Amino acid sequence: MRSGVVAAADWGGTDEGEEFDLGRAGATWSARLTTRVLVNDREPDFDARVGLAELYRVQFWPWVATAIQICI
């Protein structure tokens, strides 16, 4: 990543949030994305879609080359 700066965007490419700096321009990063959808399933008389929320967590860490030795 040349700049080390990332920002959230929707599928159309428009920015959804502020940019944040990973602190290392020009570094290679590993990343993991997890998502969770929360719905209102506790009140049967209430439409579950009204209480819907999508949560996303993105984690970045610097990529590090490692050597693995196999001893036989």
N, C-alpha and C. Protein backbone atom coordinates (compact mmCIF):
# COMPACT_ATOMS: atom_id res chain seq x y z
N MET A 1 0.86 -1.15 0.00
CA MET A 1 0.00 0.00 0.00
C MET A 1 0.92 1.23 0.00
N ARG A 2 0.79 2.04 -0.99
CA ARG A 2 1.71 3.16 -1.15
C ARG A 2 1.57 4.22 -0.06
N SER A 3 0.34 4.61 0.25
CA SER A 3 0.16 5.73 1.18
C SER A 3 0.06 5.29 2.64
N GLY A 4 -0.39 4.07 2.87
CA GLY A 4 -0.65 3.63 4.24
C GLY A 4 -1.95 4.17 4.80
N VAL A 5 -2.77 4.80 3.96
CA VAL A 5 -4.03 5.40 4.39
C VAL A 5 -5.19 4.60 3.79
N VAL A 6 -6.17 4.24 4.62
CA VAL A 6 -7.34 3.49 4.15
C VAL A 6 -8.61 4.22 4.55
N ALA A 7 -9.70 3.91 3.85
CA ALA A 7 -11.01 4.48 4.18
C ALA A 7 -12.07 3.48 3.75
N ALA A 8 -13.21 3.50 4.41
CA ALA A 8 -14.33 2.64 4.04
C ALA A 8 -15.04 3.22 2.83
N ALA A 9 -15.53 2.33 1.96
CA ALA A 9 -16.29 2.75 0.78
C ALA A 9 -17.36 1.70 0.51
N ASP A 10 -18.46 2.12 -0.11
CA ASP A 10 -19.48 1.15 -0.48
C ASP A 10 -19.09 0.53 -1.83
N TRP A 11 -19.91 -0.40 -2.32
CA TRP A 11 -19.59 -1.10 -3.57
C TRP A 11 -19.52 -0.15 -4.75
N GLY A 12 -20.22 0.98 -4.68
CA GLY A 12 -20.20 1.96 -5.76
C GLY A 12 -18.95 2.83 -5.76
N GLY A 13 -18.17 2.75 -4.69
CA GLY A 13 -16.93 3.49 -4.62
C GLY A 13 -16.99 4.80 -3.87
N THR A 14 -18.16 5.17 -3.36
CA THR A 14 -18.24 6.42 -2.61
C THR A 14 -17.76 6.20 -1.18
N ASP A 15 -17.04 7.18 -0.66
CA ASP A 15 -16.52 7.08 0.69
C ASP A 15 -17.65 7.07 1.71
N GLU A 16 -17.52 6.21 2.71
CA GLU A 16 -18.50 6.11 3.77
C GLU A 16 -17.98 6.65 5.09
N GLY A 17 -16.67 6.78 5.23
CA GLY A 17 -16.12 7.20 6.50
C GLY A 17 -14.82 7.96 6.32
N GLU A 18 -14.28 8.38 7.43
CA GLU A 18 -13.04 9.11 7.40
C GLU A 18 -11.87 8.18 7.10
N GLU A 19 -10.82 8.76 6.53
CA GLU A 19 -9.59 8.01 6.28
C GLU A 19 -8.84 7.84 7.58
N PHE A 20 -8.10 6.75 7.69
CA PHE A 20 -7.20 6.62 8.82
C PHE A 20 -5.87 6.06 8.33
N ASP A 21 -4.83 6.47 9.00
CA ASP A 21 -3.46 6.17 8.61
C ASP A 21 -2.97 4.94 9.37
N LEU A 22 -2.48 3.95 8.63
CA LEU A 22 -1.94 2.75 9.26
C LEU A 22 -0.54 2.98 9.82
N GLY A 23 0.10 4.06 9.42
CA GLY A 23 1.38 4.43 10.02
C GLY A 23 2.61 3.95 9.29
N ARG A 24 2.45 3.18 8.22
CA ARG A 24 3.61 2.70 7.47
C ARG A 24 3.33 2.77 5.98
N ALA A 25 3.71 3.86 5.37
CA ALA A 25 3.53 3.99 3.92
C ALA A 25 4.46 3.02 3.20
N GLY A 26 3.99 2.45 2.10
CA GLY A 26 4.80 1.55 1.29
C GLY A 26 4.92 0.14 1.85
N ALA A 27 4.22 -0.18 2.92
CA ALA A 27 4.32 -1.51 3.53
C ALA A 27 3.29 -2.46 2.91
N THR A 28 3.54 -3.73 3.05
CA THR A 28 2.57 -4.76 2.66
C THR A 28 1.81 -5.16 3.91
N TRP A 29 0.49 -5.21 3.80
CA TRP A 29 -0.36 -5.48 4.96
C TRP A 29 -1.19 -6.74 4.77
N SER A 30 -1.34 -7.49 5.84
CA SER A 30 -2.32 -8.56 5.88
C SER A 30 -3.60 -7.95 6.45
N ALA A 31 -4.74 -8.49 6.06
CA ALA A 31 -6.00 -7.93 6.54
C ALA A 31 -7.01 -9.05 6.76
N ARG A 32 -7.91 -8.79 7.69
CA ARG A 32 -9.00 -9.72 7.97
C ARG A 32 -10.27 -8.90 8.13
N LEU A 33 -11.35 -9.34 7.51
CA LEU A 33 -12.64 -8.67 7.61
C LEU A 33 -13.65 -9.65 8.20
N THR A 34 -14.34 -9.23 9.24
CA THR A 34 -15.42 -10.03 9.79
C THR A 34 -16.68 -9.17 9.79
N THR A 35 -17.81 -9.82 9.65
CA THR A 35 -19.08 -9.11 9.63
C THR A 35 -20.10 -9.86 10.47
N ARG A 36 -21.04 -9.11 10.99
CA ARG A 36 -22.11 -9.70 11.79
C ARG A 36 -23.38 -8.90 11.53
N VAL A 37 -24.47 -9.58 11.31
CA VAL A 37 -25.76 -8.93 11.10
C VAL A 37 -26.62 -9.17 12.33
N LEU A 38 -27.07 -8.08 12.92
CA LEU A 38 -27.93 -8.16 14.10
C LEU A 38 -29.36 -7.82 13.70
N VAL A 39 -30.31 -8.63 14.14
CA VAL A 39 -31.72 -8.37 13.87
C VAL A 39 -32.50 -8.46 15.18
N ASN A 40 -33.64 -7.84 15.20
CA ASN A 40 -34.52 -7.92 16.36
C ASN A 40 -35.30 -9.23 16.26
N ASP A 41 -34.87 -10.24 17.00
CA ASP A 41 -35.58 -11.51 16.98
C ASP A 41 -36.21 -11.84 18.34
N ARG A 42 -36.23 -10.86 19.23
CA ARG A 42 -36.76 -11.09 20.57
C ARG A 42 -38.22 -10.69 20.71
N GLU A 43 -38.70 -9.83 19.84
CA GLU A 43 -40.08 -9.36 19.94
C GLU A 43 -40.85 -9.82 18.69
N PRO A 44 -41.65 -10.85 18.79
CA PRO A 44 -42.32 -11.42 17.62
C PRO A 44 -43.31 -10.47 16.94
N ASP A 45 -43.87 -9.51 17.65
CA ASP A 45 -44.83 -8.58 17.05
C ASP A 45 -44.18 -7.37 16.40
N PHE A 46 -42.84 -7.34 16.39
CA PHE A 46 -42.10 -6.20 15.85
C PHE A 46 -41.33 -6.68 14.62
N ASP A 47 -41.44 -5.93 13.52
CA ASP A 47 -40.77 -6.31 12.27
C ASP A 47 -39.25 -6.37 12.49
N ALA A 48 -38.63 -7.51 12.26
CA ALA A 48 -37.20 -7.72 12.51
C ALA A 48 -36.33 -6.80 11.67
N ARG A 49 -36.79 -6.41 10.48
CA ARG A 49 -35.98 -5.56 9.60
C ARG A 49 -35.79 -4.15 10.15
N VAL A 50 -36.69 -3.70 11.01
CA VAL A 50 -36.58 -2.36 11.57
C VAL A 50 -35.36 -2.27 12.49
N GLY A 51 -35.05 -3.33 13.19
CA GLY A 51 -33.92 -3.34 14.12
C GLY A 51 -32.67 -3.95 13.53
N LEU A 52 -32.51 -3.94 12.21
CA LEU A 52 -31.37 -4.58 11.55
C LEU A 52 -30.13 -3.67 11.60
N ALA A 53 -28.98 -4.25 11.92
CA ALA A 53 -27.70 -3.52 11.90
C ALA A 53 -26.62 -4.44 11.34
N GLU A 54 -25.79 -3.92 10.48
CA GLU A 54 -24.66 -4.67 9.94
C GLU A 54 -23.39 -4.11 10.56
N LEU A 55 -22.62 -4.97 11.20
CA LEU A 55 -21.37 -4.57 11.84
C LEU A 55 -20.20 -5.16 11.07
N TYR A 56 -19.18 -4.35 10.85
CA TYR A 56 -17.98 -4.80 10.15
C TYR A 56 -16.76 -4.49 11.00
N ARG A 57 -15.82 -5.41 11.05
CA ARG A 57 -14.55 -5.19 11.73
C ARG A 57 -13.43 -5.54 10.74
N VAL A 58 -12.53 -4.60 10.55
CA VAL A 58 -11.39 -4.80 9.67
C VAL A 58 -10.13 -4.70 10.53
N GLN A 59 -9.28 -5.71 10.43
CA GLN A 59 -8.02 -5.70 11.16
C GLN A 59 -6.87 -5.72 10.16
N PHE A 60 -5.87 -4.90 10.40
CA PHE A 60 -4.67 -4.85 9.57
C PHE A 60 -3.46 -5.14 10.44
N TRP A 61 -2.49 -5.84 9.87
CA TRP A 61 -1.21 -5.99 10.53
C TRP A 61 -0.14 -6.11 9.45
N PRO A 62 1.07 -5.61 9.75
CA PRO A 62 2.14 -5.66 8.74
C PRO A 62 2.46 -7.09 8.36
N TRP A 63 2.62 -7.31 7.08
CA TRP A 63 2.98 -8.63 6.58
C TRP A 63 4.44 -8.88 6.90
N VAL A 64 4.75 -10.06 7.43
CA VAL A 64 6.12 -10.41 7.77
C VAL A 64 6.44 -11.75 7.14
N ALA A 65 7.53 -11.78 6.37
CA ALA A 65 7.97 -13.04 5.78
C ALA A 65 8.59 -13.90 6.87
N THR A 66 8.18 -15.14 6.93
CA THR A 66 8.73 -16.05 7.94
C THR A 66 9.25 -17.29 7.27
N ALA A 67 10.28 -17.83 7.82
CA ALA A 67 10.84 -19.09 7.33
C ALA A 67 10.40 -20.20 8.26
N ILE A 68 9.96 -21.31 7.70
CA ILE A 68 9.53 -22.45 8.50
C ILE A 68 10.51 -23.58 8.23
N GLN A 69 11.09 -24.09 9.29
CA GLN A 69 12.00 -25.22 9.15
C GLN A 69 11.26 -26.49 9.53
N ILE A 70 11.47 -27.51 8.74
CA ILE A 70 10.87 -28.81 9.03
C ILE A 70 12.02 -29.75 9.37
N CYS A 71 12.01 -30.24 10.58
CA CYS A 71 13.06 -31.18 11.02
C CYS A 71 12.50 -32.58 10.98
N ILE A 72 13.24 -33.48 10.37
CA ILE A 72 12.81 -34.88 10.29
C ILE A 72 13.75 -35.73 11.12
